[in-house]
């Protein structure tokens, strides 16, 4: 199965329920960026990037001011000129049915990438939030010209309940993964408090390797044998967990399929619907950190636990199952395989003119993360369960294995074999899940204050994709949902907010009781 077969013809997709739009490609000025010194430079498209053929990243950015298109366009021209991927197109040598694609530099007319749609005035006046949501949902119907670099900005200069205007950044996933985009955003933005410097990023946890660095214990006083066992034990656990996880990954690509739940299509229904809704809601980052401290866990543990609670709440309401029933579903957790300290480091390298030294593109591994659906009397049980599962996954090389396997399969057996495994992994699981770290302070992007950042994707067969994005003192919950499977997607989003609220309330009572003791 070819990767391109994941996405049906856009001409066959009905769009009658979407907001009527016109999309003239216009900007008040033309900016052309070239790089004569490297015009002939070509790089091969990596196997991982080739597997992203049908997948696009959509980042909705709320601005705190109306759009000044000339200023924004000038900023884009100045900033994106530094990134080779955003000045390149894919070309092939014509051999073996277009194999061996390469990135070739090209001139970029920024005007071609600036899209200013005109929304239905009546719809905007009646409900501007819904009008913007409808437009973002319709972005997939707008084809991208492959003779140009595959990125574009859509400007929605309409006030909503959260922002004075909205910018939608769409980019083909082969150009970048989420980590690269955040790095690019960080290097292209400026601190709102001090426009002369880059935005501040949170401290990253110390980690020498891409995924796993075993914690060596102090030598035991009992003797050399005990010290040796204490030293080798983490490696034995790592080897065992990796073997188990790899076995489950292989079984997933062959036959192991998640049970039928309200979160996926019925067994045997392989229809892929590209129509998606992108909706988001804000949580307080301070509240998330409060739960983290109360539970002695990580922010990611809290978010995984809150997701499990929200999915359970939605599941039992839709299915009508009893509170004693237990089931599970699996998420494809996307993991950045770069060293964790690279985000701020890369941004500083770009700022100093060393963007060619930055590891761009897709450096992603995949972890099959289980979510247990159950109704717990204690909401903190979801966080405890999440911590146990995530800690177990940290002691495994599953992400490294899946990353390298996809590359090896494409190189040895071709794109169709790699796309088959890639699609089976997503088709046999239920949701995708990711958590991205953003700036810890307010930023300005191309001269415009940023209110929120809400990234998501479309082009995968899963009906539900969950993203978390931190920015300043908030965390955005961003859902990408199949409208046919989730006609009540707003209620599902409410379940995330309510579930986290219950977890936070119980954590507050727990913290108070500890203080009294």
Protein backbone atom coordinates (compact mmCIF):
# COMPACT_ATOMS: atom_id res chain seq x y z
CA UNK A 1 0.00 0.00 0.00
CA UNK A 2 1.47 3.35 -1.05
CA UNK A 3 1.63 6.11 1.54
CA UNK A 4 -0.26 8.36 -0.82
CA UNK A 5 -3.19 5.98 -0.77
CA UNK A 6 -3.96 7.05 2.78
CA UNK A 7 -5.43 10.27 1.50
CA UNK A 8 -8.40 10.11 -0.87
CA UNK A 9 -8.98 12.49 -3.70
CA UNK A 10 -9.98 15.84 -2.32
CA UNK A 11 -12.41 16.34 -5.17
CA UNK A 12 -14.53 13.49 -3.82
CA UNK A 13 -14.88 14.95 -0.34
CA UNK A 14 -18.17 16.79 0.33
CA UNK A 15 -17.74 20.26 1.77
CA UNK A 16 -21.30 21.53 2.01
CA UNK A 17 -21.24 21.81 5.81
CA UNK A 18 -18.18 24.04 5.85
CA UNK A 19 -18.25 27.82 5.89
CA UNK A 20 -18.25 29.35 2.36
CA UNK A 21 -14.88 30.98 1.74
CA UNK A 22 -12.84 32.72 -0.93
CA UNK A 23 -9.08 32.48 -0.78
CA UNK A 24 -7.29 35.04 -2.93
CA UNK A 25 -3.53 34.66 -2.62
CA UNK A 26 -2.55 38.23 -2.10
CA UNK A 27 -0.12 40.34 -0.10
CA UNK A 28 0.80 44.00 -0.45
CA UNK A 29 4.44 43.30 -1.16
CA UNK A 30 6.53 40.65 -2.86
CA UNK A 31 9.55 39.13 -1.18
CA UNK A 32 11.90 36.76 -2.93
CA UNK A 33 14.60 34.89 -1.09
CA UNK A 34 17.40 33.02 -2.80
CA UNK A 35 20.71 31.54 -1.76
CA UNK A 36 23.07 31.65 -4.70
CA UNK A 37 25.90 30.00 -2.82
CA UNK A 38 23.85 26.86 -2.24
CA UNK A 39 21.39 26.99 -5.13
CA UNK A 40 22.70 23.71 -6.46
CA UNK A 41 22.74 22.01 -3.05
CA UNK A 42 20.53 18.96 -2.85
CA UNK A 43 19.90 16.61 0.05
CA UNK A 44 18.09 13.26 0.02
CA UNK A 45 14.61 13.11 1.50
CA UNK A 46 14.89 10.88 4.57
CA UNK A 47 12.84 7.66 4.78
CA UNK A 48 10.87 9.07 7.73
CA UNK A 49 9.99 12.20 5.73
CA UNK A 50 8.85 10.06 2.79
CA UNK A 51 6.42 8.24 5.08
CA UNK A 52 4.78 11.59 5.88
CA UNK A 53 3.45 11.97 2.33
CA UNK A 54 -0.21 12.40 3.35
CA UNK A 55 0.31 14.22 6.66
CA UNK A 56 0.17 17.97 7.23
CA UNK A 57 0.81 20.03 10.35
CA UNK A 58 -1.70 22.79 11.10
CA UNK A 59 -0.72 25.37 13.74
CA UNK A 60 -3.41 27.85 14.79
CA UNK A 61 -1.83 30.96 16.32
CA UNK A 62 -3.94 33.57 18.09
CA UNK A 63 -2.62 37.12 17.83
CA UNK A 64 -3.16 39.97 20.25
CA UNK A 65 -3.53 42.57 17.50
CA UNK A 66 -5.04 42.86 14.01
CA UNK A 67 -2.86 41.50 11.21
CA UNK A 68 -0.43 43.95 9.62
CA UNK A 69 0.19 41.95 6.47
CA UNK A 70 3.21 43.89 5.11
CA UNK A 71 4.98 43.62 8.47
CA UNK A 72 4.17 39.92 8.87
CA UNK A 73 5.21 39.15 5.28
CA UNK A 74 8.49 40.99 5.75
CA UNK A 75 9.12 39.02 8.94
CA UNK A 76 8.41 35.70 7.23
CA UNK A 77 10.74 36.59 4.35
CA UNK A 78 13.52 37.53 6.74
CA UNK A 79 13.14 34.56 9.06
CA UNK A 80 12.32 31.63 6.78
CA UNK A 81 15.19 32.58 4.47
CA UNK A 82 17.43 31.03 7.14
CA UNK A 83 15.89 27.56 6.90
CA UNK A 84 16.94 25.42 3.97
CA UNK A 85 13.89 23.11 4.20
CA UNK A 86 11.52 26.06 3.78
CA UNK A 87 13.37 27.12 0.61
CA UNK A 88 13.33 23.64 -0.96
CA UNK A 89 11.06 21.43 -3.02
CA UNK A 90 11.15 17.69 -3.58
CA UNK A 91 12.58 16.52 -6.92
CA UNK A 92 13.34 13.04 -8.24
CA UNK A 93 15.86 11.60 -10.65
CA UNK A 94 13.16 9.83 -12.64
CA UNK A 95 14.45 6.34 -11.88
CA UNK A 96 12.45 3.46 -10.44
CA UNK A 97 9.11 5.22 -10.62
CA UNK A 98 10.32 8.42 -9.03
CA UNK A 99 12.40 6.97 -6.22
CA UNK A 100 15.34 8.77 -4.62
CA UNK A 101 13.59 12.11 -3.99
CA UNK A 102 15.83 14.99 -2.98
CA UNK A 103 15.44 18.44 -1.47
CA UNK A 104 16.45 21.03 -4.06
CA UNK A 105 16.78 24.73 -3.25
CA UNK A 106 14.49 27.10 -5.11
CA UNK A 107 13.59 30.77 -5.18
CA UNK A 108 10.73 31.62 -2.82
CA UNK A 109 8.14 34.26 -3.59
CA UNK A 110 6.68 34.83 -0.14
CA UNK A 111 3.53 36.36 -1.66
CA UNK A 112 2.62 32.91 -2.99
CA UNK A 113 2.55 31.60 0.57
CA UNK A 114 0.41 34.35 2.09
CA UNK A 115 -3.31 33.51 1.89
CA UNK A 116 -5.98 36.03 2.90
CA UNK A 117 -9.44 34.40 2.82
CA UNK A 118 -12.72 36.28 2.94
CA UNK A 119 -15.21 34.61 5.26
CA UNK A 120 -18.99 34.90 5.06
CA UNK A 121 -19.76 38.24 6.84
CA UNK A 122 -23.05 36.93 8.22
CA UNK A 123 -21.36 33.86 9.72
CA UNK A 124 -18.59 35.97 11.24
CA UNK A 125 -21.08 38.38 12.77
CA UNK A 126 -23.23 35.57 14.17
CA UNK A 127 -20.37 33.56 15.72
CA UNK A 128 -16.78 34.58 14.92
CA UNK A 129 -15.29 31.67 16.89
CA UNK A 130 -17.31 29.17 14.87
CA UNK A 131 -16.49 30.95 11.60
CA UNK A 132 -12.75 30.68 12.28
CA UNK A 133 -13.14 27.06 13.39
CA UNK A 134 -15.01 26.27 10.17
CA UNK A 135 -12.27 27.81 8.07
CA UNK A 136 -9.50 25.90 9.82
CA UNK A 137 -11.53 22.71 9.29
CA UNK A 138 -11.70 23.48 5.56
CA UNK A 139 -7.95 24.04 5.09
CA UNK A 140 -7.42 20.42 3.99
CA UNK A 141 -9.58 21.09 0.89
CA UNK A 142 -7.09 23.70 -0.38
CA UNK A 143 -4.39 21.96 -2.45
CA UNK A 144 -0.75 22.93 -2.06
CA UNK A 145 1.33 23.62 -5.17
CA UNK A 146 4.23 21.14 -5.13
CA UNK A 147 6.26 23.35 -7.44
CA UNK A 148 6.69 25.60 -4.39
CA UNK A 149 7.92 24.86 -0.86
CA UNK A 150 5.08 23.17 1.02
CA UNK A 151 4.18 25.77 3.64
CA UNK A 152 1.75 28.65 3.83
CA UNK A 153 0.15 31.17 6.19
CA UNK A 154 -3.60 31.86 6.28
CA UNK A 155 -4.58 35.20 7.81
CA UNK A 156 -7.99 35.49 9.49
CA UNK A 157 -8.25 39.12 10.54
CA UNK A 158 -11.43 38.62 12.58
CA UNK A 159 -11.67 39.14 16.35
CA UNK A 160 -12.66 36.05 18.37
CA UNK A 161 -13.23 35.41 22.06
CA UNK A 162 -9.52 34.62 22.53
CA UNK A 163 -7.64 36.72 20.01
CA UNK A 164 -7.78 39.90 17.94
CA UNK A 165 -6.88 37.88 14.83
CA UNK A 166 -5.77 34.38 13.89
CA UNK A 167 -2.97 33.00 11.73
CA UNK A 168 -3.08 29.39 10.51
CA UNK A 169 0.30 27.96 9.56
CA UNK A 170 0.07 24.84 7.37
CA UNK A 171 3.21 22.88 6.55
CA UNK A 172 3.79 19.48 5.02
CA UNK A 173 5.07 17.06 7.66
CA UNK A 174 8.00 15.99 5.47
CA UNK A 175 9.59 19.41 6.07
CA UNK A 176 9.59 19.20 9.82
CA UNK A 177 8.36 17.54 12.98
CA UNK A 178 6.88 19.36 15.96
CA UNK A 179 10.25 19.80 17.66
CA UNK A 180 11.73 21.48 14.56
CA UNK A 181 8.73 23.78 14.20
CA UNK A 182 8.92 24.89 17.83
CA UNK A 183 12.64 25.51 17.36
CA UNK A 184 11.97 27.56 14.25
CA UNK A 185 9.19 29.48 16.01
CA UNK A 186 11.45 30.15 18.98
CA UNK A 187 14.27 31.40 16.77
CA UNK A 188 11.89 33.54 14.66
CA UNK A 189 10.11 35.13 17.63
CA UNK A 190 11.18 37.65 20.22
CA UNK A 191 10.37 38.13 23.86
CA UNK A 192 7.42 40.50 24.26
CA UNK A 193 9.10 41.96 27.36
CA UNK A 194 12.43 42.52 25.56
CA UNK A 195 12.27 42.38 21.74
CA UNK A 196 16.08 42.33 21.55
CA UNK A 197 16.34 38.73 22.83
CA UNK A 198 14.96 35.28 22.14
CA UNK A 199 12.05 33.98 24.23
CA UNK A 200 12.90 32.05 27.38
CA UNK A 201 12.38 28.29 27.38
CA UNK A 202 11.90 26.00 30.38
CA UNK A 203 14.86 24.02 31.63
CA UNK A 204 15.01 20.61 30.01
CA UNK A 205 15.61 17.48 32.09
CA UNK A 206 19.19 16.28 31.98
CA UNK A 207 19.60 13.44 29.52
CA UNK A 208 22.77 12.44 27.74
CA UNK A 209 21.16 10.17 25.18
CA UNK A 210 18.18 10.53 22.92
CA UNK A 211 15.76 8.55 25.08
CA UNK A 212 17.33 6.64 27.90
CA UNK A 213 20.22 7.23 30.31
CA UNK A 214 20.41 4.57 33.03
CA UNK A 215 20.71 5.85 36.56
CA UNK A 216 23.73 4.31 38.18
CA UNK A 217 23.27 3.65 41.86
CA UNK A 218 25.84 4.17 44.54
CA UNK A 219 28.01 1.17 45.30
CA UNK A 220 26.30 -1.02 47.86
CA UNK A 221 28.07 -1.53 51.15
CA UNK A 222 27.17 -5.24 51.09
CA UNK A 223 30.03 -6.03 48.73
CA UNK A 224 31.17 -6.30 45.13
CA UNK A 225 28.40 -8.70 44.06
CA UNK A 226 25.65 -6.40 45.30
CA UNK A 227 27.33 -3.44 43.63
CA UNK A 228 27.54 -5.35 40.34
CA UNK A 229 23.86 -6.34 40.52
CA UNK A 230 22.88 -2.74 41.30
CA UNK A 231 24.90 -1.59 38.29
CA UNK A 232 23.67 -4.15 35.77
CA UNK A 233 20.02 -4.29 36.87
CA UNK A 234 18.87 -1.15 34.93
CA UNK A 235 20.38 -2.59 31.74
CA UNK A 236 18.61 -5.92 32.23
CA UNK A 237 15.32 -4.11 32.78
CA UNK A 238 15.98 -2.00 29.68
CA UNK A 239 16.66 -5.09 27.55
CA UNK A 240 13.55 -6.90 28.81
CA UNK A 241 11.22 -3.94 28.38
CA UNK A 242 12.57 -3.25 24.90
CA UNK A 243 12.06 -6.87 23.85
CA UNK A 244 8.47 -6.85 25.13
CA UNK A 245 7.66 -3.49 23.52
CA UNK A 246 9.19 -4.47 20.19
CA UNK A 247 7.16 -7.70 20.21
CA UNK A 248 3.94 -5.78 20.82
CA UNK A 249 4.85 -3.29 18.09
CA UNK A 250 5.41 -6.13 15.62
CA UNK A 251 2.13 -7.75 16.65
CA UNK A 252 0.33 -4.42 16.17
CA UNK A 253 1.54 -4.08 12.59
CA UNK A 254 0.41 -7.64 11.83
CA UNK A 255 -2.81 -8.37 13.73
CA UNK A 256 -3.14 -6.79 17.21
CA UNK A 257 -5.97 -4.29 16.91
CA UNK A 258 -7.57 -2.15 19.59
CA UNK A 259 -11.13 -3.14 20.64
CA UNK A 260 -14.08 -1.42 19.04
CA UNK A 261 -14.97 1.68 21.08
CA UNK A 262 -16.72 5.01 20.37
CA UNK A 263 -13.25 6.40 19.56
CA UNK A 264 -12.80 4.45 16.32
CA UNK A 265 -14.70 3.08 13.37
CA UNK A 266 -16.39 -0.28 13.53
CA UNK A 267 -14.38 -3.42 12.85
CA UNK A 268 -13.88 -3.83 9.12
CA UNK A 269 -14.68 -0.19 8.31
CA UNK A 270 -11.45 1.08 6.76
CA UNK A 271 -12.92 4.31 5.43
CA UNK A 272 -10.59 7.23 5.89
CA UNK A 273 -12.31 10.57 6.33
CA UNK A 274 -10.01 13.60 5.93
CA UNK A 275 -12.69 15.97 7.28
CA UNK A 276 -11.49 17.04 10.68
CA UNK A 277 -12.26 19.61 13.32
CA UNK A 278 -9.44 21.34 15.18
CA UNK A 279 -10.65 22.52 18.58
CA UNK A 280 -8.74 23.64 21.63
CA UNK A 281 -9.13 24.73 25.23
CA UNK A 282 -6.73 26.22 27.79
CA UNK A 283 -5.55 24.84 31.12
CA UNK A 284 -3.52 26.71 33.71
CA UNK A 285 0.10 25.57 33.62
CA UNK A 286 0.40 26.51 37.30
CA UNK A 287 -2.50 24.15 38.09
CA UNK A 288 -0.83 21.33 36.15
CA UNK A 289 2.44 21.94 38.03
CA UNK A 290 0.52 22.00 41.31
CA UNK A 291 -0.82 18.51 40.62
CA UNK A 292 2.66 17.43 39.52
CA UNK A 293 4.17 18.55 42.82
CA UNK A 294 1.35 17.09 44.90
CA UNK A 295 1.71 13.71 43.16
CA UNK A 296 5.53 13.80 42.93
CA UNK A 297 5.43 13.09 39.21
CA UNK A 298 6.04 14.95 35.93
CA UNK A 299 3.89 17.32 33.89
CA UNK A 300 3.63 14.63 31.22
CA UNK A 301 2.34 12.13 33.81
CA UNK A 302 -0.40 14.59 34.79
CA UNK A 303 -1.42 15.17 31.17
CA UNK A 304 -1.49 11.45 30.37
CA UNK A 305 -3.58 10.85 33.50
CA UNK A 306 -5.99 13.68 32.65
CA UNK A 307 -6.34 12.28 29.10
CA UNK A 308 -7.13 8.82 30.46
CA UNK A 309 -9.75 10.34 32.79
CA UNK A 310 -11.33 12.34 29.96
CA UNK A 311 -11.46 9.37 27.59
CA UNK A 312 -13.00 7.23 30.35
CA UNK A 313 -15.61 9.89 31.09
CA UNK A 314 -16.57 10.13 27.40
CA UNK A 315 -16.50 6.37 26.89
CA UNK A 316 -18.82 5.46 29.76
CA UNK A 317 -21.28 8.20 28.84
CA UNK A 318 -21.42 7.05 25.20
CA UNK A 319 -21.35 3.30 25.77
CA UNK A 320 -23.51 3.15 28.88
CA UNK A 321 -21.15 0.59 30.42
CA UNK A 322 -21.11 -0.11 34.14
CA UNK A 323 -18.60 1.58 36.41
CA UNK A 324 -16.94 -1.76 37.14
CA UNK A 325 -16.14 -2.42 33.49
CA UNK A 326 -12.52 -2.14 32.39
CA UNK A 327 -11.09 -1.89 28.88
CA UNK A 328 -8.11 -0.29 27.24
CA UNK A 329 -7.04 1.41 24.07
CA UNK A 330 -3.64 2.42 22.77
CA UNK A 331 -2.14 5.69 21.71
CA UNK A 332 0.75 6.29 19.34
CA UNK A 333 2.92 8.61 21.41
CA UNK A 334 5.27 10.66 19.24
CA UNK A 335 8.72 11.02 20.78
CA UNK A 336 11.46 13.42 19.75
CA UNK A 337 14.69 11.39 19.53
CA UNK A 338 16.98 14.41 19.73
CA UNK A 339 18.76 15.15 23.03
CA UNK A 340 16.36 17.12 25.23
CA UNK A 341 18.73 20.05 25.70
CA UNK A 342 18.69 20.82 21.97
CA UNK A 343 15.68 23.16 21.80
CA UNK A 344 17.26 26.26 23.31
CA UNK A 345 20.66 25.26 21.92
CA UNK A 346 19.33 25.03 18.37
CA UNK A 347 17.54 28.36 18.68
CA UNK A 348 20.78 30.00 19.79
CA UNK A 349 22.64 28.36 16.89
CA UNK A 350 20.11 29.74 14.41
CA UNK A 351 20.32 33.18 15.98
CA UNK A 352 24.11 33.13 15.57
CA UNK A 353 23.85 32.21 11.87
CA UNK A 354 24.60 28.48 12.22
CA UNK A 355 21.20 27.16 11.07
CA UNK A 356 22.88 24.60 8.79
CA UNK A 357 24.24 22.87 11.91
CA UNK A 358 20.75 22.29 13.28
CA UNK A 359 19.24 18.80 12.92
CA UNK A 360 16.11 19.63 10.91
CA UNK A 361 13.48 17.31 9.50
CA UNK A 362 11.68 14.44 11.23
CA UNK A 363 13.53 12.70 14.04
CA UNK A 364 10.60 10.86 15.56
CA UNK A 365 10.16 7.58 17.31
CA UNK A 366 6.85 6.01 18.31
CA UNK A 367 5.70 4.48 21.57
CA UNK A 368 2.50 2.46 21.94
CA UNK A 369 1.09 3.97 25.12
CA UNK A 370 -1.94 2.21 26.69
CA UNK A 371 -4.84 4.16 28.15
CA UNK A 372 -7.00 2.20 30.56
CA UNK A 373 -10.68 3.17 30.50
CA UNK A 374 -12.21 2.87 33.95
CA UNK A 375 -14.31 4.87 36.40
CA UNK A 376 -12.21 5.48 39.51
CA UNK A 377 -13.71 6.93 42.66
CA UNK A 378 -10.40 8.71 43.24
CA UNK A 379 -9.50 10.93 40.23
CA UNK A 380 -5.83 10.81 41.26
CA UNK A 381 -5.84 7.09 40.38
CA UNK A 382 -5.62 8.12 36.72
CA UNK A 383 -2.40 10.05 37.39
CA UNK A 384 -0.91 7.21 39.47
CA UNK A 385 -1.67 4.73 36.70
CA UNK A 386 -0.22 7.10 34.10
CA UNK A 387 2.98 7.57 36.08
CA UNK A 388 3.44 3.82 36.40
CA UNK A 389 2.95 3.27 32.65
CA UNK A 390 5.13 6.22 31.56
CA UNK A 391 7.93 5.25 33.97
CA UNK A 392 7.85 1.76 32.51
CA UNK A 393 8.05 3.16 28.97
CA UNK A 394 11.01 5.39 29.87
CA UNK A 395 13.02 2.25 30.58
CA UNK A 396 12.74 0.98 27.01
CA UNK A 397 14.31 1.65 23.62
CA UNK A 398 10.96 1.28 21.84
CA UNK A 399 11.10 4.81 20.39
CA UNK A 400 14.61 4.30 19.03
CA UNK A 401 13.63 0.93 17.56
CA UNK A 402 10.53 2.24 15.79
CA UNK A 403 12.44 5.25 14.42
CA UNK A 404 15.28 3.12 13.01
CA UNK A 405 12.96 0.37 11.80
CA UNK A 406 10.97 2.75 9.60
CA UNK A 407 14.18 4.04 8.03
CA UNK A 408 15.63 0.56 7.43
CA UNK A 409 12.39 -0.82 5.94
CA UNK A 410 12.06 2.06 3.46
CA UNK A 411 15.71 1.79 2.44
CA UNK A 412 15.66 -1.98 2.00
CA UNK A 413 12.14 -2.73 0.80
CA UNK A 414 10.87 0.55 -0.61
CA UNK A 415 8.28 3.14 0.26
CA UNK A 416 5.26 0.84 -0.12
CA UNK A 417 6.54 -1.56 2.53
CA UNK A 418 7.33 1.29 4.90
CA UNK A 419 3.94 2.92 4.27
CA UNK A 420 2.18 -0.39 4.95
CA UNK A 421 3.79 -0.70 8.40
CA UNK A 422 3.24 2.99 9.09
CA UNK A 423 -0.45 2.78 8.22
CA UNK A 424 -1.00 -0.47 10.12
CA UNK A 425 0.51 1.07 13.24
CA UNK A 426 -1.98 3.94 13.09
CA UNK A 427 -4.95 1.89 11.89
CA UNK A 428 -4.67 -0.74 14.64
CA UNK A 429 -4.36 1.81 17.43
CA UNK A 430 -6.95 4.36 18.52
CA UNK A 431 -5.41 7.79 19.05
CA UNK A 432 -2.21 9.79 18.59
CA UNK A 433 -0.77 11.74 21.49
CA UNK A 434 1.98 14.34 21.86
CA UNK A 435 3.12 16.98 24.32
CA UNK A 436 5.23 19.94 23.16
CA UNK A 437 7.03 22.46 25.33
CA UNK A 438 6.84 26.12 24.32
CA UNK A 439 8.20 29.47 25.56
CA UNK A 440 7.72 30.34 29.22
CA UNK A 441 6.93 33.98 28.47
CA UNK A 442 4.82 35.95 26.02
CA UNK A 443 6.35 36.31 22.58
CA UNK A 444 6.00 38.39 19.43
CA UNK A 445 6.00 36.72 16.03
CA UNK A 446 6.84 38.91 13.04
CA UNK A 447 5.90 42.00 15.03
CA UNK A 448 2.61 40.58 16.36
CA UNK A 449 1.95 39.57 20.00
CA UNK A 450 1.04 35.88 20.33
CA UNK A 451 -1.91 34.94 22.56
CA UNK A 452 -1.92 31.17 22.06
CA UNK A 453 -0.35 28.37 19.99
CA UNK A 454 -2.45 25.32 19.04
CA UNK A 455 -0.69 22.73 16.82
CA UNK A 456 -2.33 19.68 15.29
CA UNK A 457 -2.17 17.42 12.23
CA UNK A 458 -4.36 15.78 9.62
CA UNK A 459 -3.76 12.92 7.22
CA UNK A 460 -3.63 9.93 9.59
CA UNK A 461 -6.40 7.31 9.76
CA UNK A 462 -7.05 7.71 13.49
CA UNK A 463 -10.27 9.49 14.41
CA UNK A 464 -8.78 11.29 17.44
CA UNK A 465 -5.46 13.10 17.84
CA UNK A 466 -4.56 14.77 21.14
CA UNK A 467 -1.88 17.44 21.41
CA UNK A 468 -0.75 19.46 24.40
CA UNK A 469 1.19 22.68 23.86
CA UNK A 470 2.57 24.82 26.68
CA UNK A 471 3.02 28.56 26.21
CA UNK A 472 3.64 31.22 28.85
CA UNK A 473 1.44 30.17 31.82
CA UNK A 474 -1.06 28.01 29.91
CA UNK A 475 -1.30 24.58 28.32
CA UNK A 476 -3.49 24.16 25.29
CA UNK A 477 -5.47 20.96 24.84
CA UNK A 478 -5.78 20.59 21.07
CA UNK A 479 -8.01 17.91 19.54
CA UNK A 480 -8.05 16.88 15.91
CA UNK A 481 -11.24 14.84 15.48
CA UNK A 482 -13.04 12.98 12.74
CA UNK A 483 -16.43 14.72 12.54
CA UNK A 484 -18.27 11.52 11.64
CA UNK A 485 -16.99 9.69 14.72
CA UNK A 486 -17.19 12.69 17.08
CA UNK A 487 -20.18 14.85 16.14
CA UNK A 488 -20.17 15.92 19.81
CA UNK A 489 -16.51 16.95 19.79
CA UNK A 490 -17.24 19.99 21.97
CA UNK A 491 -18.51 17.70 24.69
CA UNK A 492 -15.36 15.58 24.40
CA UNK A 493 -13.27 18.74 24.83
CA UNK A 494 -15.35 19.62 27.89
CA UNK A 495 -14.55 16.19 29.32
CA UNK A 496 -10.84 17.04 29.26
CA UNK A 497 -11.43 20.28 31.18
CA UNK A 498 -13.81 18.71 33.71
CA UNK A 499 -11.56 15.69 34.27
CA UNK A 500 -8.53 17.83 34.97
CA UNK A 501 -10.60 20.02 37.28
CA UNK A 502 -11.58 16.97 39.36
CA UNK A 503 -7.95 15.83 39.51
CA UNK A 504 -6.82 19.28 40.61
CA UNK A 505 -9.51 19.56 43.30
CA UNK A 506 -8.54 16.23 44.87
CA UNK A 507 -4.84 17.12 44.63
CA UNK A 508 -5.63 20.36 46.50
CA UNK A 509 -7.32 18.47 49.32
CA UNK A 510 -4.42 16.03 49.42
CA UNK A 511 -1.93 18.88 49.65
CA UNK A 512 -3.91 20.56 52.43
CA UNK A 513 -4.09 17.36 54.47
CA UNK A 514 -0.32 16.86 54.13
CA UNK A 515 0.31 20.42 55.35
CA UNK A 516 -1.90 19.88 58.40
CA UNK A 517 -0.05 16.68 59.27
